[in-house]
Amino acid sequence: MFSIYILTYNEELDIAACIESALLSDDVVVIDSFSTDRTIEIANELAERYPIRVVQHQFESHGKQRTWMLEAVSPKHNWVYILEADERMTPSLFQECSQAIQSTEYVGYYAAERVMFMGTWIRRSTQYPRYQLRLLRHGNVWFTDYGHTEREVCQGNTSFLRETYPHYTCSKGLSRWLEKHNRYSTDEAIETLRQLESGRVNWRELLFGTTEVERRRALKDLSLRLPLRPIVRFFYMYFILGGCFDGRAGFAWCTLQAFYEYLILLKIWEIKQVSNPTLLSPSIQPQLRDAN
């Protein structure tokens, strides 16, 4: 058996279904970032009937939130699966995870997401299979920040699961997606500036990487240096990856991702143009100081 941690912030539309999918485990922990909607109320109601713990911690960043969670909230079991509120655990994935944790060879496992958008699985334009580290041995995996997201630091070998998990990326509506990615674009702009100043493209991993994770991250570093990034991303996703075969949902997804890239470029321009950092919002100022 393994514990399941669920990360939440204003997830009232998803939290019940997410928790119910996780109840295959006898230790479910909700880590909430002080939601302002009914997320906590719903989680507490379910905690009265099921083996659920509900903990709140002020959000700083995705990497810091995960590391705090692993350090401050002790799991019942030696292995932990990290579940986002708009993702679901499935019986087949749970069974494979239960078998995987019997091995002493690995400290973490990557699982591929199935992005569900506009009522369908958009397989091609989402770079499927796109892996995220989800199952980990407690005490052997930590997280650092990278842009608006996180990257894992593993003290040992990792492997890949065959089963996938559904990710309902726009389940709370397009307005929520736009609001969330408007925030994300600021972090991505700052990370892009950092990478352009101090990073480099790992051509070996890009061309000869042994895993999808290595190749995708090297491709990400290369994409930061390309001109006309929004147009390039749309062309790459829609035509090269085959998003054109994902129907209307594929076209909408590729368009949104191209818009997101353009928003990042606008944020980069804004940061460069603002000579006085105090003109930026308080949440951006510490990140901008770190970037400098």
C-alpha atoms as a PDB file:
ATOM      1  CA  MET A   1       0.000   0.000   0.000  1.00  0.00           C
ATOM      2  CA  PHE A   2       1.094   3.593  -0.551  1.00  0.00           C
ATOM      3  CA  SER A   3      -0.149   7.002   0.614  1.00  0.00           C
ATOM      4  CA  ILE A   4      -1.741   9.511  -1.759  1.00  0.00           C
ATOM      5  CA  TYR A   5      -1.178  13.254  -1.334  1.00  0.00           C
ATOM      6  CA  ILE A   6      -3.561  15.622  -3.121  1.00  0.00           C
ATOM      7  CA  LEU A   7      -2.465  19.224  -3.779  1.00  0.00           C
ATOM      8  CA  THR A   8      -5.289  21.771  -3.898  1.00  0.00           C
ATOM      9  CA  TYR A   9      -6.103  25.436  -4.275  1.00  0.00           C
ATOM     10  CA  ASN A  10      -9.682  26.513  -5.080  1.00  0.00           C
ATOM     11  CA  GLU A  11     -10.599  23.097  -6.421  1.00  0.00           C
ATOM     12  CA  GLU A  12     -14.223  22.848  -5.283  1.00  0.00           C
ATOM     13  CA  LEU A  13     -15.308  21.521  -8.698  1.00  0.00           C
ATOM     14  CA  ASP A  14     -12.714  18.720  -8.741  1.00  0.00           C
ATOM     15  CA  ILE A  15     -11.827  17.828  -5.180  1.00  0.00           C
ATOM     16  CA  ALA A  16     -14.656  15.370  -4.432  1.00  0.00           C
ATOM     17  CA  ALA A  17     -14.087  13.288  -7.580  1.00  0.00           C
ATOM     18  CA  CYS A  18     -10.318  13.395  -7.028  1.00  0.00           C
ATOM     19  CA  ILE A  19     -10.589  12.205  -3.413  1.00  0.00           C
ATOM     20  CA  GLU A  20     -13.044   9.474  -4.345  1.00  0.00           C
ATOM     21  CA  SER A  21     -10.620   8.168  -6.983  1.00  0.00           C
ATOM     22  CA  ALA A  22      -7.830   8.128  -4.364  1.00  0.00           C
ATOM     23  CA  LEU A  23      -9.780   6.111  -1.778  1.00  0.00           C
ATOM     24  CA  LEU A  24      -8.178   2.945  -3.092  1.00  0.00           C
ATOM     25  CA  SER A  25      -5.500   3.912  -0.560  1.00  0.00           C
ATOM     26  CA  ASP A  26      -6.087   3.862   3.194  1.00  0.00           C
ATOM     27  CA  ASP A  27      -4.070   7.065   3.646  1.00  0.00           C
ATOM     28  CA  VAL A  28      -5.226  10.094   1.651  1.00  0.00           C
ATOM     29  CA  VAL A  29      -3.835  13.521   2.586  1.00  0.00           C
ATOM     30  CA  VAL A  30      -5.203  16.786   1.174  1.00  0.00           C
ATOM     31  CA  ILE A  31      -2.565  19.548   1.154  1.00  0.00           C
ATOM     32  CA  ASP A  32      -4.454  22.804   0.621  1.00  0.00           C
ATOM     33  CA  SER A  33      -2.947  26.242  -0.056  1.00  0.00           C
ATOM     34  CA  PHE A  34      -5.652  28.122   1.897  1.00  0.00           C
ATOM     35  CA  SER A  35      -8.390  27.913  -0.706  1.00  0.00           C
ATOM     36  CA  THR A  36     -10.996  30.674  -0.686  1.00  0.00           C
ATOM     37  CA  ASP A  37     -13.793  28.541  -2.144  1.00  0.00           C
ATOM     38  CA  ARG A  38     -15.476  25.381  -0.744  1.00  0.00           C
ATOM     39  CA  THR A  39     -12.480  23.081  -1.248  1.00  0.00           C
ATOM     40  CA  ILE A  40     -11.721  22.670   2.462  1.00  0.00           C
ATOM     41  CA  GLU A  41     -15.387  22.354   3.393  1.00  0.00           C
ATOM     42  CA  ILE A  42     -15.874  19.530   0.897  1.00  0.00           C
ATOM     43  CA  ALA A  43     -12.641  17.806   1.945  1.00  0.00           C
ATOM     44  CA  ASN A  44     -13.590  17.978   5.634  1.00  0.00           C
ATOM     45  CA  GLU A  45     -17.036  16.555   4.896  1.00  0.00           C
ATOM     46  CA  LEU A  46     -15.441  13.579   3.174  1.00  0.00           C
ATOM     47  CA  ALA A  47     -12.894  13.258   6.005  1.00  0.00           C
ATOM     48  CA  GLU A  48     -15.767  12.518   8.387  1.00  0.00           C
ATOM     49  CA  ARG A  49     -16.529   9.344   6.414  1.00  0.00           C
ATOM     50  CA  TYR A  50     -13.198   8.238   4.958  1.00  0.00           C
ATOM     51  CA  PRO A  51      -9.519   7.951   6.066  1.00  0.00           C
ATOM     52  CA  ILE A  52      -8.576  11.437   4.914  1.00  0.00           C
ATOM     53  CA  ARG A  53      -6.311  13.996   6.529  1.00  0.00           C
ATOM     54  CA  VAL A  54      -6.653  17.674   5.612  1.00  0.00           C
ATOM     55  CA  VAL A  55      -3.675  20.018   6.075  1.00  0.00           C
ATOM     56  CA  GLN A  56      -3.220  23.648   5.034  1.00  0.00           C
ATOM     57  CA  HIS A  57       0.018  25.414   4.201  1.00  0.00           C
ATOM     58  CA  GLN A  58       0.611  28.807   2.614  1.00  0.00           C
ATOM     59  CA  PHE A  59       1.694  28.383  -1.003  1.00  0.00           C
ATOM     60  CA  GLU A  60       5.129  29.737  -1.979  1.00  0.00           C
ATOM     61  CA  SER A  61       5.896  27.793  -5.138  1.00  0.00           C
ATOM     62  CA  HIS A  62       5.190  24.369  -6.592  1.00  0.00           C
ATOM     63  CA  GLY A  63       8.590  22.999  -5.670  1.00  0.00           C
ATOM     64  CA  LYS A  64       8.565  24.381  -2.118  1.00  0.00           C
ATOM     65  CA  GLN A  65       5.003  23.199  -1.520  1.00  0.00           C
ATOM     66  CA  ARG A  66       5.887  19.639  -2.466  1.00  0.00           C
ATOM     67  CA  THR A  67       9.068  19.627  -0.416  1.00  0.00           C
ATOM     68  CA  TRP A  68       7.251  21.048   2.628  1.00  0.00           C
ATOM     69  CA  MET A  69       4.542  18.442   2.204  1.00  0.00           C
ATOM     70  CA  LEU A  70       7.049  15.595   2.205  1.00  0.00           C
ATOM     71  CA  GLU A  71       8.994  16.987   5.160  1.00  0.00           C
ATOM     72  CA  ALA A  72       6.147  18.155   7.412  1.00  0.00           C
ATOM     73  CA  VAL A  73       3.351  15.652   6.780  1.00  0.00           C
ATOM     74  CA  SER A  74       4.430  12.104   7.542  1.00  0.00           C
ATOM     75  CA  PRO A  75       2.783   9.476   5.351  1.00  0.00           C
ATOM     76  CA  LYS A  76       1.395   6.246   6.767  1.00  0.00           C
ATOM     77  CA  HIS A  77       3.384   4.262   4.200  1.00  0.00           C
ATOM     78  CA  ASN A  78       6.929   4.386   2.818  1.00  0.00           C
ATOM     79  CA  TRP A  79       5.728   5.270  -0.683  1.00  0.00           C
ATOM     80  CA  VAL A  80       3.748   8.333  -1.756  1.00  0.00           C
ATOM     81  CA  TYR A  81       1.777   9.114  -4.907  1.00  0.00           C
ATOM     82  CA  ILE A  82       1.299  12.832  -5.659  1.00  0.00           C
ATOM     83  CA  LEU A  83      -2.060  13.646  -7.214  1.00  0.00           C
ATOM     84  CA  GLU A  84      -3.207  17.032  -8.492  1.00  0.00           C
ATOM     85  CA  ALA A  85      -6.859  17.896  -7.874  1.00  0.00           C
ATOM     86  CA  ASP A  86      -7.682  17.885 -11.586  1.00  0.00           C
ATOM     87  CA  GLU A  87      -6.136  14.435 -12.007  1.00  0.00           C
ATOM     88  CA  ARG A  88      -7.580  11.033 -11.106  1.00  0.00           C
ATOM     89  CA  MET A  89      -6.199   7.791  -9.742  1.00  0.00           C
ATOM     90  CA  THR A  90      -7.433   4.765 -11.680  1.00  0.00           C
ATOM     91  CA  PRO A  91      -7.743   1.141 -10.459  1.00  0.00           C
ATOM     92  CA  SER A  92      -5.289  -0.104 -13.087  1.00  0.00           C
ATOM     93  CA  LEU A  93      -2.724   2.592 -12.202  1.00  0.00           C
ATOM     94  CA  PHE A  94      -3.179   1.869  -8.492  1.00  0.00           C
ATOM     95  CA  GLN A  95      -2.560  -1.820  -9.088  1.00  0.00           C
ATOM     96  CA  GLU A  96       0.616  -1.163 -11.066  1.00  0.00           C
ATOM     97  CA  CYS A  97       1.885   1.260  -8.398  1.00  0.00           C
ATOM     98  CA  SER A  98       1.233  -1.382  -5.726  1.00  0.00           C
ATOM     99  CA  GLN A  99       3.379  -3.821  -7.668  1.00  0.00           C
ATOM    100  CA  ALA A 100       6.110  -1.260  -8.439  1.00  0.00           C
ATOM    101  CA  ILE A 101       6.738  -0.371  -4.799  1.00  0.00           C
ATOM    102  CA  GLN A 102       7.742  -3.968  -4.067  1.00  0.00           C
ATOM    103  CA  SER A 103      11.009  -3.303  -5.896  1.00  0.00           C
ATOM    104  CA  THR A 104      14.040  -1.962  -4.024  1.00  0.00           C
ATOM    105  CA  GLU A 105      15.781  -0.904  -7.250  1.00  0.00           C
ATOM    106  CA  TYR A 106      14.019   2.445  -7.737  1.00  0.00           C
ATOM    107  CA  VAL A 107      13.133   5.476  -5.607  1.00  0.00           C
ATOM    108  CA  GLY A 108      10.606   6.997  -8.002  1.00  0.00           C
ATOM    109  CA  TYR A 109       8.382   6.274 -10.972  1.00  0.00           C
ATOM    110  CA  TYR A 110       7.146   8.484 -13.779  1.00  0.00           C
ATOM    111  CA  ALA A 111       3.585   8.203 -15.096  1.00  0.00           C
ATOM    112  CA  ALA A 112       2.205   9.632 -18.330  1.00  0.00           C
ATOM    113  CA  GLU A 113      -0.799  11.936 -18.337  1.00  0.00           C
ATOM    114  CA  ARG A 114      -3.774  11.773 -20.668  1.00  0.00           C
ATOM    115  CA  VAL A 115      -4.870  15.373 -21.175  1.00  0.00           C
ATOM    116  CA  MET A 116      -8.669  15.587 -21.270  1.00  0.00           C
ATOM    117  CA  PHE A 117      -9.867  18.781 -22.968  1.00  0.00           C
ATOM    118  CA  MET A 118     -13.269  19.750 -24.398  1.00  0.00           C
ATOM    119  CA  GLY A 119     -14.606  16.325 -23.461  1.00  0.00           C
ATOM    120  CA  THR A 120     -11.965  14.304 -25.296  1.00  0.00           C
ATOM    121  CA  TRP A 121      -8.443  12.954 -24.928  1.00  0.00           C
ATOM    122  CA  ILE A 122      -6.149  15.060 -27.083  1.00  0.00           C
ATOM    123  CA  ARG A 123      -3.360  12.583 -27.556  1.00  0.00           C
ATOM    124  CA  ARG A 124      -1.172  13.998 -30.322  1.00  0.00           C
ATOM    125  CA  SER A 125      -0.760  17.717 -29.618  1.00  0.00           C
ATOM    126  CA  THR A 126       0.069  17.109 -25.932  1.00  0.00           C
ATOM    127  CA  GLN A 127       3.334  15.265 -26.688  1.00  0.00           C
ATOM    128  CA  TYR A 128       1.903  12.010 -25.364  1.00  0.00           C
ATOM    129  CA  PRO A 129       3.387  10.144 -23.606  1.00  0.00           C
ATOM    130  CA  ARG A 130       4.413  13.097 -21.431  1.00  0.00           C
ATOM    131  CA  TYR A 131       5.749  11.832 -18.112  1.00  0.00           C
ATOM    132  CA  GLN A 132       5.627  13.356 -14.632  1.00  0.00           C
ATOM    133  CA  LEU A 133       7.201  11.908 -11.501  1.00  0.00           C
ATOM    134  CA  ARG A 134       4.231  10.837  -9.392  1.00  0.00           C
ATOM    135  CA  LEU A 135       5.185   7.786  -7.304  1.00  0.00           C
ATOM    136  CA  LEU A 136       8.128   8.160  -4.933  1.00  0.00           C
ATOM    137  CA  ARG A 137       9.790   6.564  -1.966  1.00  0.00           C
ATOM    138  CA  HIS A 138       9.467   8.903   0.995  1.00  0.00           C
ATOM    139  CA  GLY A 139      12.791  10.461   1.985  1.00  0.00           C
ATOM    140  CA  ASN A 140      14.497   9.878  -1.359  1.00  0.00           C
ATOM    141  CA  VAL A 141      12.855  12.470  -3.614  1.00  0.00           C
ATOM    142  CA  TRP A 142      12.620  16.253  -3.260  1.00  0.00           C
ATOM    143  CA  PHE A 143      11.579  19.107  -5.517  1.00  0.00           C
ATOM    144  CA  THR A 144      13.018  22.401  -6.747  1.00  0.00           C
ATOM    145  CA  ASP A 145      11.364  25.208  -8.706  1.00  0.00           C
ATOM    146  CA  TYR A 146      11.538  25.595 -12.460  1.00  0.00           C
ATOM    147  CA  GLY A 147       9.424  28.403 -13.926  1.00  0.00           C
ATOM    148  CA  HIS A 148       5.839  28.028 -12.755  1.00  0.00           C
ATOM    149  CA  THR A 149       6.311  24.332 -12.088  1.00  0.00           C
ATOM    150  CA  GLU A 150       8.791  22.045 -10.322  1.00  0.00           C
ATOM    151  CA  ARG A 151      11.535  19.549 -11.011  1.00  0.00           C
ATOM    152  CA  GLU A 152      12.345  16.505  -8.956  1.00  0.00           C
ATOM    153  CA  VAL A 153      15.656  15.682  -7.283  1.00  0.00           C
ATOM    154  CA  CYS A 154      15.994  11.926  -6.839  1.00  0.00           C
ATOM    155  CA  GLN A 155      18.468  10.161  -4.588  1.00  0.00           C
ATOM    156  CA  GLY A 156      18.489   6.937  -6.546  1.00  0.00           C
ATOM    157  CA  ASN A 157      17.288   5.381  -9.776  1.00  0.00           C
ATOM    158  CA  THR A 158      13.890   5.984 -11.347  1.00  0.00           C
ATOM    159  CA  SER A 159      11.703   4.102 -13.787  1.00  0.00           C
ATOM    160  CA  PHE A 160       8.457   4.446 -15.757  1.00  0.00           C
ATOM    161  CA  LEU A 161       4.958   3.101 -15.271  1.00  0.00           C
ATOM    162  CA  ARG A 162       2.932   1.704 -18.156  1.00  0.00           C
ATOM    163  CA  GLU A 163      -0.469   2.852 -16.895  1.00  0.00           C
ATOM    164  CA  THR A 164      -1.546   6.474 -17.398  1.00  0.00           C
ATOM    165  CA  TYR A 165      -3.726   8.922 -15.494  1.00  0.00           C
ATOM    166  CA  PRO A 166      -6.394  11.349 -16.781  1.00  0.00           C
ATOM    167  CA  HIS A 167      -5.697  15.064 -16.386  1.00  0.00           C
ATOM    168  CA  TYR A 168      -8.787  17.280 -16.743  1.00  0.00           C
ATOM    169  CA  THR A 169      -6.801  20.374 -17.562  1.00  0.00           C
ATOM    170  CA  CYS A 170      -9.726  22.725 -18.225  1.00  0.00           C
ATOM    171  CA  SER A 171     -12.367  21.207 -15.965  1.00  0.00           C
ATOM    172  CA  LYS A 172     -12.977  24.508 -14.178  1.00  0.00           C
ATOM    173  CA  GLY A 173     -13.654  26.432 -17.365  1.00  0.00           C
ATOM    174  CA  LEU A 174     -11.707  28.508 -19.844  1.00  0.00           C
ATOM    175  CA  SER A 175     -11.757  31.631 -17.645  1.00  0.00           C
ATOM    176  CA  ARG A 176      -9.947  29.738 -14.863  1.00  0.00           C
ATOM    177  CA  TRP A 177      -7.424  28.382 -17.376  1.00  0.00           C
ATOM    178  CA  LEU A 178      -6.691  31.905 -18.650  1.00  0.00           C
ATOM    179  CA  GLU A 179      -6.405  33.310 -15.127  1.00  0.00           C
ATOM    180  CA  LYS A 180      -4.064  30.526 -14.039  1.00  0.00           C
ATOM    181  CA  HIS A 181      -1.823  30.751 -17.096  1.00  0.00           C
ATOM    182  CA  ASN A 182      -1.648  34.512 -16.783  1.00  0.00           C
ATOM    183  CA  ARG A 183       0.011  33.905 -13.413  1.00  0.00           C
ATOM    184  CA  TYR A 184       2.147  31.076 -14.746  1.00  0.00           C
ATOM    185  CA  SER A 185       3.440  33.232 -17.605  1.00  0.00           C
ATOM    186  CA  THR A 186       5.156  35.577 -15.154  1.00  0.00           C
ATOM    187  CA  ASP A 187       7.111  32.713 -13.578  1.00  0.00           C
ATOM    188  CA  GLU A 188       7.942  31.353 -17.016  1.00  0.00           C
ATOM    189  CA  ALA A 189       9.184  34.766 -18.174  1.00  0.00           C
ATOM    190  CA  ILE A 190      11.519  35.036 -15.192  1.00  0.00           C
ATOM    191  CA  GLU A 191      12.770  31.470 -15.675  1.00  0.00           C
ATOM    192  CA  THR A 192      13.342  32.178 -19.375  1.00  0.00           C
ATOM    193  CA  LEU A 193      15.511  35.172 -18.507  1.00  0.00           C
ATOM    194  CA  ARG A 194      17.491  33.012 -16.079  1.00  0.00           C
ATOM    195  CA  GLN A 195      18.011  30.282 -18.654  1.00  0.00           C
ATOM    196  CA  LEU A 196      19.071  32.699 -21.385  1.00  0.00           C
ATOM    197  CA  GLU A 197      21.645  34.259 -19.071  1.00  0.00           C
ATOM    198  CA  SER A 198      23.128  31.149 -17.483  1.00  0.00           C
ATOM    199  CA  GLY A 199      21.677  28.038 -19.087  1.00  0.00           C
ATOM    200  CA  ARG A 200      22.485  26.142 -22.255  1.00  0.00           C
ATOM    201  CA  VAL A 201      20.942  23.589 -24.566  1.00  0.00           C
ATOM    202  CA  ASN A 202      21.893  20.008 -23.765  1.00  0.00           C
ATOM    203  CA  TRP A 203      22.263  18.756 -27.326  1.00  0.00           C
ATOM    204  CA  ARG A 204      23.276  15.269 -26.236  1.00  0.00           C
ATOM    205  CA  GLU A 205      20.046  14.739 -24.310  1.00  0.00           C
ATOM    206  CA  LEU A 206      18.024  16.434 -27.050  1.00  0.00           C
ATOM    207  CA  LEU A 207      19.336  14.119 -29.771  1.00  0.00           C
ATOM    208  CA  PHE A 208      20.249  10.981 -27.849  1.00  0.00           C
ATOM    209  CA  GLY A 209      18.349  11.215 -24.562  1.00  0.00           C
ATOM    210  CA  THR A 210      17.401   7.794 -23.255  1.00  0.00           C
ATOM    211  CA  THR A 211      14.056   8.916 -21.780  1.00  0.00           C
ATOM    212  CA  GLU A 212      11.174  11.157 -22.802  1.00  0.00           C
ATOM    213  CA  VAL A 213      11.846  13.355 -19.765  1.00  0.00           C
ATOM    214  CA  GLU A 214      15.447  14.092 -20.828  1.00  0.00           C
ATOM    215  CA  ARG A 215      14.488  14.840 -24.429  1.00  0.00           C
ATOM    216  CA  ARG A 216      11.506  17.012 -23.508  1.00  0.00           C
ATOM    217  CA  ARG A 217      13.481  19.146 -21.053  1.00  0.00           C
ATOM    218  CA  ALA A 218      16.303  19.647 -23.551  1.00  0.00           C
ATOM    219  CA  LEU A 219      13.712  20.615 -26.169  1.00  0.00           C
ATOM    220  CA  LYS A 220      12.238  23.100 -23.695  1.00  0.00           C
ATOM    221  CA  ASP A 221      15.654  24.765 -23.249  1.00  0.00           C
ATOM    222  CA  LEU A 222      16.061  24.949 -27.023  1.00  0.00           C
ATOM    223  CA  SER A 223      12.594  26.429 -27.535  1.00  0.00           C
ATOM    224  CA  LEU A 224      13.438  29.337 -25.227  1.00  0.00           C
ATOM    225  CA  ARG A 225      16.033  30.470 -27.762  1.00  0.00           C
ATOM    226  CA  LEU A 226      13.925  30.225 -30.913  1.00  0.00           C
ATOM    227  CA  PRO A 227      12.580  33.317 -32.712  1.00  0.00           C
ATOM    228  CA  LEU A 228       8.813  33.606 -33.242  1.00  0.00           C
ATOM    229  CA  ARG A 229       8.207  31.121 -30.456  1.00  0.00           C
ATOM    230  CA  PRO A 230       4.367  31.299 -30.475  1.00  0.00           C
ATOM    231  CA  ILE A 231       4.204  30.558 -34.208  1.00  0.00           C
ATOM    232  CA  VAL A 232       6.856  27.841 -33.958  1.00  0.00           C
ATOM    233  CA  ARG A 233       5.030  26.170 -31.078  1.00  0.00           C
ATOM    234  CA  PHE A 234       1.698  26.176 -32.908  1.00  0.00           C
ATOM    235  CA  PHE A 235       3.292  24.746 -36.061  1.00  0.00           C
ATOM    236  CA  TYR A 236       5.170  22.102 -34.065  1.00  0.00           C
ATOM    237  CA  MET A 237       2.133  21.000 -32.058  1.00  0.00           C
ATOM    238  CA  TYR A 238      -0.498  21.218 -34.780  1.00  0.00           C
ATOM    239  CA  PHE A 239       1.385  19.893 -37.779  1.00  0.00           C
ATOM    240  CA  ILE A 240       4.491  17.998 -36.612  1.00  0.00           C
ATOM    241  CA  LEU A 241       2.968  16.357 -33.518  1.00  0.00           C
ATOM    242  CA  GLY A 242      -0.324  15.854 -35.358  1.00  0.00           C
ATOM    243  CA  GLY A 243      -2.657  18.100 -33.406  1.00  0.00           C
ATOM    244  CA  CYS A 244      -4.575  18.553 -36.658  1.00  0.00           C
ATOM    245  CA  PHE A 245      -5.835  14.988 -36.150  1.00  0.00           C
ATOM    246  CA  ASP A 246      -7.189  15.821 -32.680  1.00  0.00           C
ATOM    247  CA  GLY A 247     -10.125  17.678 -34.212  1.00  0.00           C
ATOM    248  CA  ARG A 248     -11.591  20.885 -32.831  1.00  0.00           C
ATOM    249  CA  ALA A 249     -10.155  20.187 -29.379  1.00  0.00           C
ATOM    250  CA  GLY A 250      -6.668  19.839 -30.874  1.00  0.00           C
ATOM    251  CA  PHE A 251      -6.917  23.130 -32.737  1.00  0.00           C
ATOM    252  CA  ALA A 252      -8.180  24.923 -29.618  1.00  0.00           C
ATOM    253  CA  TRP A 253      -5.421  23.384 -27.485  1.00  0.00           C
ATOM    254  CA  CYS A 254      -2.630  24.329 -29.896  1.00  0.00           C
ATOM    255  CA  THR A 255      -4.027  27.874 -30.176  1.00  0.00           C
ATOM    256  CA  LEU A 256      -4.128  28.261 -26.385  1.00  0.00           C
ATOM    257  CA  GLN A 257      -0.545  27.018 -26.047  1.00  0.00           C
ATOM    258  CA  ALA A 258       0.647  29.444 -28.734  1.00  0.00           C
ATOM    259  CA  PHE A 259      -1.176  32.251 -26.910  1.00  0.00           C
ATOM    260  CA  TYR A 260       0.532  31.187 -23.681  1.00  0.00           C
ATOM    261  CA  GLU A 261       3.943  31.432 -25.372  1.00  0.00           C
ATOM    262  CA  TYR A 262       3.065  34.921 -26.632  1.00  0.00           C
ATOM    263  CA  LEU A 263       1.974  35.931 -23.142  1.00  0.00           C
ATOM    264  CA  ILE A 264       5.363  34.806 -21.805  1.00  0.00           C
ATOM    265  CA  LEU A 265       7.131  36.946 -24.411  1.00  0.00           C
ATOM    266  CA  LEU A 266       5.011  39.940 -23.428  1.00  0.00           C
ATOM    267  CA  LYS A 267       5.904  39.416 -19.771  1.00  0.00           C
ATOM    268  CA  ILE A 268       9.604  39.239 -20.690  1.00  0.00           C
ATOM    269  CA  TRP A 269       9.274  42.530 -22.585  1.00  0.00           C
ATOM    270  CA  GLU A 270       7.444  44.070 -19.629  1.00  0.00           C
ATOM    271  CA  ILE A 271      10.110  42.989 -17.143  1.00  0.00           C
ATOM    272  CA  LYS A 272      12.883  44.384 -19.325  1.00  0.00           C
ATOM    273  CA  GLN A 273      11.060  47.677 -19.860  1.00  0.00           C
ATOM    274  CA  VAL A 274      10.224  48.320 -16.221  1.00  0.00           C
ATOM    275  CA  SER A 275      13.373  49.970 -14.879  1.00  0.00           C
ATOM    276  CA  ASN A 276      11.907  50.330 -11.385  1.00  0.00           C
ATOM    277  CA  PRO A 277      10.983  46.896  -9.963  1.00  0.00           C
ATOM    278  CA  THR A 278       8.645  48.519  -7.420  1.00  0.00           C
ATOM    279  CA  LEU A 279       6.242  49.144 -10.291  1.00  0.00           C
ATOM    280  CA  LEU A 280       5.711  45.403 -10.518  1.00  0.00           C
ATOM    281  CA  SER A 281       3.277  43.575  -8.277  1.00  0.00           C
ATOM    282  CA  PRO A 282       4.633  42.554  -4.822  1.00  0.00           C
ATOM    283  CA  SER A 283       4.421  38.848  -5.715  1.00  0.00           C
ATOM    284  CA  ILE A 284       6.763  39.356  -8.678  1.00  0.00           C
ATOM    285  CA  GLN A 285       9.407  41.527  -6.984  1.00  0.00           C
ATOM    286  CA  PRO A 286      11.215  38.744  -5.018  1.00  0.00           C
ATOM    287  CA  GLN A 287      11.382  36.550  -8.114  1.00  0.00           C
ATOM    288  CA  LEU A 288      12.732  39.400 -10.208  1.00  0.00           C
ATOM    289  CA  ARG A 289      15.393  40.110  -7.572  1.00  0.00           C
ATOM    290  CA  ASP A 290      16.372  36.432  -7.622  1.00  0.00           C
ATOM    291  CA  ALA A 291      16.559  36.519 -11.412  1.00  0.00           C
ATOM    292  CA  ASN A 292      18.957  39.406 -11.230  1.00  0.00           C
END
